[in-house]
């Protein structure tokens, strides 16, 4: 049986990233998307400026770049 490991760092310098192990790939992918959307939502809610669609996409890309997903 394959497991899936997801490492989620707050940023590129995070010394203590969150590491999760999942039994199914869809569980890992769901968790990843939830974490990315939560982080983006938080940034949008706390921004004093309006955020364009392009900026939203850039925020998502940044969040996805802090996640490493692998089969173990």
PDB file of N, CA and C in Angstrom:
ATOM      1  N   UNK A   1       0.833  -1.184   0.000  1.00  0.00           N
ATOM      2  CA  UNK A   1       0.000   0.000   0.000  1.00  0.00           C
ATOM      3  C   UNK A   1       0.877   1.246   0.000  1.00  0.00           C
ATOM      4  N   UNK A   2       0.551   2.175  -0.857  1.00  0.00           N
ATOM      5  CA  UNK A   2       1.327   3.405  -0.965  1.00  0.00           C
ATOM      6  C   UNK A   2       0.783   4.445   0.006  1.00  0.00           C
ATOM      7  N   UNK A   3       1.684   5.228   0.533  1.00  0.00           N
ATOM      8  CA  UNK A   3       1.332   6.371   1.362  1.00  0.00           C
ATOM      9  C   UNK A   3       1.839   7.623   0.670  1.00  0.00           C
ATOM     10  N   UNK A   4       1.322   8.752   1.104  1.00  0.00           N
ATOM     11  CA  UNK A   4       1.681  10.023   0.498  1.00  0.00           C
ATOM     12  C   UNK A   4       2.098  10.993   1.592  1.00  0.00           C
ATOM     13  N   UNK A   5       3.232  11.612   1.384  1.00  0.00           N
ATOM     14  CA  UNK A   5       3.782  12.545   2.361  1.00  0.00           C
ATOM     15  C   UNK A   5       3.674  13.956   1.809  1.00  0.00           C
ATOM     16  N   UNK A   6       3.117  14.846   2.625  1.00  0.00           N
ATOM     17  CA  UNK A   6       3.002  16.252   2.253  1.00  0.00           C
ATOM     18  C   UNK A   6       3.775  17.065   3.279  1.00  0.00           C
ATOM     19  N   UNK A   7       4.689  17.880   2.790  1.00  0.00           N
ATOM     20  CA  UNK A   7       5.447  18.792   3.644  1.00  0.00           C
ATOM     21  C   UNK A   7       5.005  20.205   3.294  1.00  0.00           C
ATOM     22  N   UNK A   8       4.480  20.907   4.294  1.00  0.00           N
ATOM     23  CA  UNK A   8       3.954  22.256   4.062  1.00  0.00           C
ATOM     24  C   UNK A   8       4.716  23.252   4.922  1.00  0.00           C
ATOM     25  N   UNK A   9       5.471  24.110   4.268  1.00  0.00           N
ATOM     26  CA  UNK A   9       6.232  25.154   4.954  1.00  0.00           C
ATOM     27  C   UNK A   9       5.452  26.467   4.884  1.00  0.00           C
ATOM     28  N   UNK A  10       5.602  27.281   5.910  1.00  0.00           N
ATOM     29  CA  UNK A  10       4.953  28.594   5.919  1.00  0.00           C
ATOM     30  C   UNK A  10       5.588  29.485   4.856  1.00  0.00           C
ATOM     31  N   UNK A  11       6.903  29.381   4.719  1.00  0.00           N
ATOM     32  CA  UNK A  11       7.638  30.091   3.677  1.00  0.00           C
ATOM     33  C   UNK A  11       8.908  29.305   3.383  1.00  0.00           C
ATOM     34  N   UNK A  12       9.725  29.803   2.492  1.00  0.00           N
ATOM     35  CA  UNK A  12      10.909  29.052   2.073  1.00  0.00           C
ATOM     36  C   UNK A  12      11.950  28.881   3.180  1.00  0.00           C
ATOM     37  N   UNK A  13      11.858  29.679   4.243  1.00  0.00           N
ATOM     38  CA  UNK A  13      12.824  29.597   5.339  1.00  0.00           C
ATOM     39  C   UNK A  13      12.261  28.905   6.580  1.00  0.00           C
ATOM     40  N   UNK A  14      11.100  28.301   6.472  1.00  0.00           N
ATOM     41  CA  UNK A  14      10.444  27.648   7.610  1.00  0.00           C
ATOM     42  C   UNK A  14      11.304  26.500   8.128  1.00  0.00           C
ATOM     43  N   UNK A  15      11.821  26.585   9.371  1.00  0.00           N
ATOM     44  CA  UNK A  15      12.667  25.522   9.912  1.00  0.00           C
ATOM     45  C   UNK A  15      11.869  24.322  10.441  1.00  0.00           C
ATOM     46  N   UNK A  16      10.559  24.482  10.571  1.00  0.00           N
ATOM     47  CA  UNK A  16       9.737  23.430  11.156  1.00  0.00           C
ATOM     48  C   UNK A  16       8.441  23.265  10.361  1.00  0.00           C
ATOM     49  N   UNK A  17       8.530  22.763   9.130  1.00  0.00           N
ATOM     50  CA  UNK A  17       7.322  22.627   8.313  1.00  0.00           C
ATOM     51  C   UNK A  17       6.390  21.544   8.857  1.00  0.00           C
ATOM     52  N   UNK A  18       5.123  21.662   8.526  1.00  0.00           N
ATOM     53  CA  UNK A  18       4.139  20.644   8.877  1.00  0.00           C
ATOM     54  C   UNK A  18       4.321  19.463   7.935  1.00  0.00           C
ATOM     55  N   UNK A  19       4.372  18.266   8.492  1.00  0.00           N
ATOM     56  CA  UNK A  19       4.503  17.052   7.687  1.00  0.00           C
ATOM     57  C   UNK A  19       3.299  16.165   7.981  1.00  0.00           C
ATOM     58  N   UNK A  20       2.602  15.779   6.925  1.00  0.00           N
ATOM     59  CA  UNK A  20       1.419  14.924   7.055  1.00  0.00           C
ATOM     60  C   UNK A  20       1.597  13.702   6.169  1.00  0.00           C
ATOM     61  N   UNK A  21       1.117  12.563   6.655  1.00  0.00           N
ATOM     62  CA  UNK A  21       1.131  11.318   5.893  1.00  0.00           C
ATOM     63  C   UNK A  21      -0.325  10.921   5.627  1.00  0.00           C
ATOM     64  N   UNK A  22      -0.616  10.574   4.384  1.00  0.00           N
ATOM     65  CA  UNK A  22      -1.967  10.196   3.984  1.00  0.00           C
ATOM     66  C   UNK A  22      -1.946   8.816   3.340  1.00  0.00           C
ATOM     67  N   UNK A  23      -3.049   8.096   3.505  1.00  0.00           N
ATOM     68  CA  UNK A  23      -3.185   6.769   2.908  1.00  0.00           C
ATOM     69  C   UNK A  23      -3.573   6.844   1.436  1.00  0.00           C
ATOM     70  N   UNK A  24      -4.277   7.885   1.065  1.00  0.00           N
ATOM     71  CA  UNK A  24      -4.793   8.020  -0.303  1.00  0.00           C
ATOM     72  C   UNK A  24      -4.343   9.340  -0.906  1.00  0.00           C
ATOM     73  N   UNK A  25      -4.064   9.313  -2.182  1.00  0.00           N
ATOM     74  CA  UNK A  25      -3.607  10.534  -2.845  1.00  0.00           C
ATOM     75  C   UNK A  25      -4.668  11.614  -2.827  1.00  0.00           C
ATOM     76  N   UNK A  26      -5.948  11.223  -2.968  1.00  0.00           N
ATOM     77  CA  UNK A  26      -6.995  12.244  -2.996  1.00  0.00           C
ATOM     78  C   UNK A  26      -7.110  12.956  -1.646  1.00  0.00           C
ATOM     79  N   UNK A  27      -6.840  12.236  -0.530  1.00  0.00           N
ATOM     80  CA  UNK A  27      -6.855  12.891   0.777  1.00  0.00           C
ATOM     81  C   UNK A  27      -5.740  13.919   0.879  1.00  0.00           C
ATOM     82  N   UNK A  28      -4.570  13.553   0.391  1.00  0.00           N
ATOM     83  CA  UNK A  28      -3.431  14.474   0.411  1.00  0.00           C
ATOM     84  C   UNK A  28      -3.713  15.692  -0.461  1.00  0.00           C
ATOM     85  N   UNK A  29      -4.248  15.465  -1.646  1.00  0.00           N
ATOM     86  CA  UNK A  29      -4.535  16.572  -2.558  1.00  0.00           C
ATOM     87  C   UNK A  29      -5.622  17.486  -2.004  1.00  0.00           C
ATOM     88  N   UNK A  30      -6.642  16.904  -1.383  1.00  0.00           N
ATOM     89  CA  UNK A  30      -7.691  17.717  -0.753  1.00  0.00           C
ATOM     90  C   UNK A  30      -7.108  18.584   0.357  1.00  0.00           C
ATOM     91  N   UNK A  31      -6.235  17.995   1.175  1.00  0.00           N
ATOM     92  CA  UNK A  31      -5.629  18.732   2.274  1.00  0.00           C
ATOM     93  C   UNK A  31      -4.769  19.879   1.745  1.00  0.00           C
ATOM     94  N   UNK A  32      -3.998  19.600   0.693  1.00  0.00           N
ATOM     95  CA  UNK A  32      -3.150  20.625   0.090  1.00  0.00           C
ATOM     96  C   UNK A  32      -3.998  21.794  -0.395  1.00  0.00           C
ATOM     97  N   UNK A  33      -5.053  21.496  -1.143  1.00  0.00           N
ATOM     98  CA  UNK A  33      -5.900  22.576  -1.671  1.00  0.00           C
ATOM     99  C   UNK A  33      -6.574  23.359  -0.554  1.00  0.00           C
ATOM    100  N   UNK A  34      -6.966  22.676   0.496  1.00  0.00           N
ATOM    101  CA  UNK A  34      -7.586  23.355   1.641  1.00  0.00           C
ATOM    102  C   UNK A  34      -6.593  24.303   2.310  1.00  0.00           C
ATOM    103  N   UNK A  35      -5.352  23.840   2.489  1.00  0.00           N
ATOM    104  CA  UNK A  35      -4.331  24.669   3.120  1.00  0.00           C
ATOM    105  C   UNK A  35      -4.013  25.903   2.273  1.00  0.00           C
ATOM    106  N   UNK A  36      -3.907  25.706   0.966  1.00  0.00           N
ATOM    107  CA  UNK A  36      -3.609  26.826   0.068  1.00  0.00           C
ATOM    108  C   UNK A  36      -4.745  27.843   0.115  1.00  0.00           C
ATOM    109  N   UNK A  37      -5.979  27.385   0.012  1.00  0.00           N
ATOM    110  CA  UNK A  37      -7.121  28.308   0.026  1.00  0.00           C
ATOM    111  C   UNK A  37      -7.246  29.020   1.368  1.00  0.00           C
ATOM    112  N   UNK A  38      -6.981  28.324   2.467  1.00  0.00           N
ATOM    113  CA  UNK A  38      -7.016  28.968   3.783  1.00  0.00           C
ATOM    114  C   UNK A  38      -5.964  30.076   3.885  1.00  0.00           C
ATOM    115  N   UNK A  39      -4.768  29.800   3.403  1.00  0.00           N
ATOM    116  CA  UNK A  39      -3.695  30.794   3.457  1.00  0.00           C
ATOM    117  C   UNK A  39      -4.013  32.003   2.574  1.00  0.00           C
ATOM    118  N   UNK A  40      -4.528  31.747   1.381  1.00  0.00           N
ATOM    119  CA  UNK A  40      -4.880  32.838   0.464  1.00  0.00           C
ATOM    120  C   UNK A  40      -6.039  33.645   1.048  1.00  0.00           C
ATOM    121  N   UNK A  41      -7.046  32.978   1.568  1.00  0.00           N
ATOM    122  CA  UNK A  41      -8.185  33.674   2.181  1.00  0.00           C
ATOM    123  C   UNK A  41      -7.726  34.569   3.320  1.00  0.00           C
ATOM    124  N   UNK A  42      -6.820  34.072   4.144  1.00  0.00           N
ATOM    125  CA  UNK A  42      -6.318  34.867   5.263  1.00  0.00           C
ATOM    126  C   UNK A  42      -5.623  36.134   4.754  1.00  0.00           C
ATOM    127  N   UNK A  43      -4.804  35.961   3.718  1.00  0.00           N
ATOM    128  CA  UNK A  43      -4.098  37.117   3.164  1.00  0.00           C
ATOM    129  C   UNK A  43      -5.065  38.138   2.580  1.00  0.00           C
ATOM    130  N   UNK A  44      -6.093  37.670   1.909  1.00  0.00           N
ATOM    131  CA  UNK A  44      -7.090  38.567   1.310  1.00  0.00           C
ATOM    132  C   UNK A  44      -7.850  39.311   2.410  1.00  0.00           C
ATOM    133  N   UNK A  45      -8.275  38.588   3.432  1.00  0.00           N
ATOM    134  CA  UNK A  45      -9.040  39.199   4.516  1.00  0.00           C
ATOM    135  C   UNK A  45      -8.242  40.235   5.293  1.00  0.00           C
ATOM    136  N   UNK A  46      -6.936  40.054   5.377  1.00  0.00           N
ATOM    137  CA  UNK A  46      -6.101  40.961   6.168  1.00  0.00           C
ATOM    138  C   UNK A  46      -5.368  42.012   5.329  1.00  0.00           C
ATOM    139  N   UNK A  47      -5.639  42.040   4.056  1.00  0.00           N
ATOM    140  CA  UNK A  47      -4.997  43.028   3.189  1.00  0.00           C
ATOM    141  C   UNK A  47      -5.770  44.345   3.243  1.00  0.00           C
ATOM    142  N   UNK A  48      -5.069  45.444   3.401  1.00  0.00           N
ATOM    143  CA  UNK A  48      -5.762  46.738   3.389  1.00  0.00           C
ATOM    144  C   UNK A  48      -6.118  47.181   1.963  1.00  0.00           C
ATOM    145  N   UNK A  49      -5.685  46.450   0.976  1.00  0.00           N
ATOM    146  CA  UNK A  49      -5.908  46.796  -0.432  1.00  0.00           C
ATOM    147  C   UNK A  49      -6.778  45.747  -1.111  1.00  0.00           C
ATOM    148  N   UNK A  50      -7.440  46.137  -2.162  1.00  0.00           N
ATOM    149  CA  UNK A  50      -8.178  45.145  -2.944  1.00  0.00           C
ATOM    150  C   UNK A  50      -7.168  44.322  -3.745  1.00  0.00           C
ATOM    151  N   UNK A  51      -7.515  43.079  -4.007  1.00  0.00           N
ATOM    152  CA  UNK A  51      -6.592  42.163  -4.688  1.00  0.00           C
ATOM    153  C   UNK A  51      -7.224  41.726  -6.000  1.00  0.00           C
ATOM    154  N   UNK A  52      -6.460  41.858  -7.067  1.00  0.00           N
ATOM    155  CA  UNK A  52      -6.955  41.494  -8.395  1.00  0.00           C
ATOM    156  C   UNK A  52      -6.907  39.976  -8.591  1.00  0.00           C
ATOM    157  N   UNK A  53      -7.551  39.509  -9.648  1.00  0.00           N
ATOM    158  CA  UNK A  53      -7.526  38.077  -9.967  1.00  0.00           C
ATOM    159  C   UNK A  53      -6.099  37.601 -10.242  1.00  0.00           C
ATOM    160  N   UNK A  54      -5.306  38.425 -10.925  1.00  0.00           N
ATOM    161  CA  UNK A  54      -3.906  38.059 -11.191  1.00  0.00           C
ATOM    162  C   UNK A  54      -3.122  37.927  -9.888  1.00  0.00           C
ATOM    163  N   UNK A  55      -3.359  38.841  -8.959  1.00  0.00           N
ATOM    164  CA  UNK A  55      -2.673  38.774  -7.670  1.00  0.00           C
ATOM    165  C   UNK A  55      -3.116  37.552  -6.869  1.00  0.00           C
ATOM    166  N   UNK A  56      -4.400  37.207  -6.964  1.00  0.00           N
ATOM    167  CA  UNK A  56      -4.893  35.995  -6.299  1.00  0.00           C
ATOM    168  C   UNK A  56      -4.190  34.755  -6.832  1.00  0.00           C
ATOM    169  N   UNK A  57      -4.053  34.694  -8.134  1.00  0.00           N
ATOM    170  CA  UNK A  57      -3.380  33.551  -8.746  1.00  0.00           C
ATOM    171  C   UNK A  57      -1.910  33.495  -8.320  1.00  0.00           C
ATOM    172  N   UNK A  58      -1.283  34.645  -8.218  1.00  0.00           N
ATOM    173  CA  UNK A  58       0.112  34.702  -7.772  1.00  0.00           C
ATOM    174  C   UNK A  58       0.237  34.230  -6.319  1.00  0.00           C
ATOM    175  N   UNK A  59      -0.712  34.631  -5.468  1.00  0.00           N
ATOM    176  CA  UNK A  59      -0.703  34.167  -4.078  1.00  0.00           C
ATOM    177  C   UNK A  59      -0.848  32.649  -4.010  1.00  0.00           C
ATOM    178  N   UNK A  60      -1.724  32.088  -4.837  1.00  0.00           N
ATOM    179  CA  UNK A  60      -1.898  30.630  -4.865  1.00  0.00           C
ATOM    180  C   UNK A  60      -0.609  29.933  -5.304  1.00  0.00           C
ATOM    181  N   UNK A  61       0.034  30.471  -6.324  1.00  0.00           N
ATOM    182  CA  UNK A  61       1.287  29.886  -6.808  1.00  0.00           C
ATOM    183  C   UNK A  61       2.357  29.903  -5.721  1.00  0.00           C
ATOM    184  N   UNK A  62       2.434  30.997  -4.996  1.00  0.00           N
ATOM    185  CA  UNK A  62       3.410  31.102  -3.902  1.00  0.00           C
ATOM    186  C   UNK A  62       3.114  30.051  -2.837  1.00  0.00           C
ATOM    187  N   UNK A  63       1.848  29.920  -2.469  1.00  0.00           N
ATOM    188  CA  UNK A  63       1.474  28.927  -1.456  1.00  0.00           C
ATOM    189  C   UNK A  63       1.773  27.509  -1.937  1.00  0.00           C
ATOM    190  N   UNK A  64       1.452  27.205  -3.189  1.00  0.00           N
ATOM    191  CA  UNK A  64       1.743  25.871  -3.718  1.00  0.00           C
ATOM    192  C   UNK A  64       3.248  25.609  -3.758  1.00  0.00           C
ATOM    193  N   UNK A  65       4.051  26.641  -3.961  1.00  0.00           N
ATOM    194  CA  UNK A  65       5.504  26.444  -4.025  1.00  0.00           C
ATOM    195  C   UNK A  65       6.086  26.058  -2.664  1.00  0.00           C
ATOM    196  N   UNK A  66       5.332  26.301  -1.581  1.00  0.00           N
ATOM    197  CA  UNK A  66       5.799  25.947  -0.236  1.00  0.00           C
ATOM    198  C   UNK A  66       5.380  24.538   0.174  1.00  0.00           C
ATOM    199  N   UNK A  67       4.796  23.795  -0.754  1.00  0.00           N
ATOM    200  CA  UNK A  67       4.315  22.448  -0.455  1.00  0.00           C
ATOM    201  C   UNK A  67       5.062  21.435  -1.306  1.00  0.00           C
ATOM    202  N   UNK A  68       5.510  20.377  -0.649  1.00  0.00           N
ATOM    203  CA  UNK A  68       6.178  19.268  -1.341  1.00  0.00           C
ATOM    204  C   UNK A  68       5.338  18.023  -1.119  1.00  0.00           C
ATOM    205  N   UNK A  69       4.991  17.347  -2.219  1.00  0.00           N
ATOM    206  CA  UNK A  69       4.084  16.185  -2.197  1.00  0.00           C
ATOM    207  C   UNK A  69       4.813  15.013  -2.826  1.00  0.00           C
ATOM    208  N   UNK A  70       4.872  13.876  -2.103  1.00  0.00           N
ATOM    209  CA  UNK A  70       5.581  12.721  -2.631  1.00  0.00           C
ATOM    210  C   UNK A  70       4.933  11.416  -2.205  1.00  0.00           C
ATOM    211  N   UNK A  71       5.141  10.417  -3.022  1.00  0.00           N
ATOM    212  CA  UNK A  71       4.672   9.066  -2.726  1.00  0.00           C
ATOM    213  C   UNK A  71       5.771   8.372  -1.933  1.00  0.00           C
ATOM    214  N   UNK A  72       5.385   7.712  -0.831  1.00  0.00           N
ATOM    215  CA  UNK A  72       6.391   7.013  -0.015  1.00  0.00           C
ATOM    216  C   UNK A  72       6.020   5.538   0.129  1.00  0.00           C
TER     217      UNK A  72
END
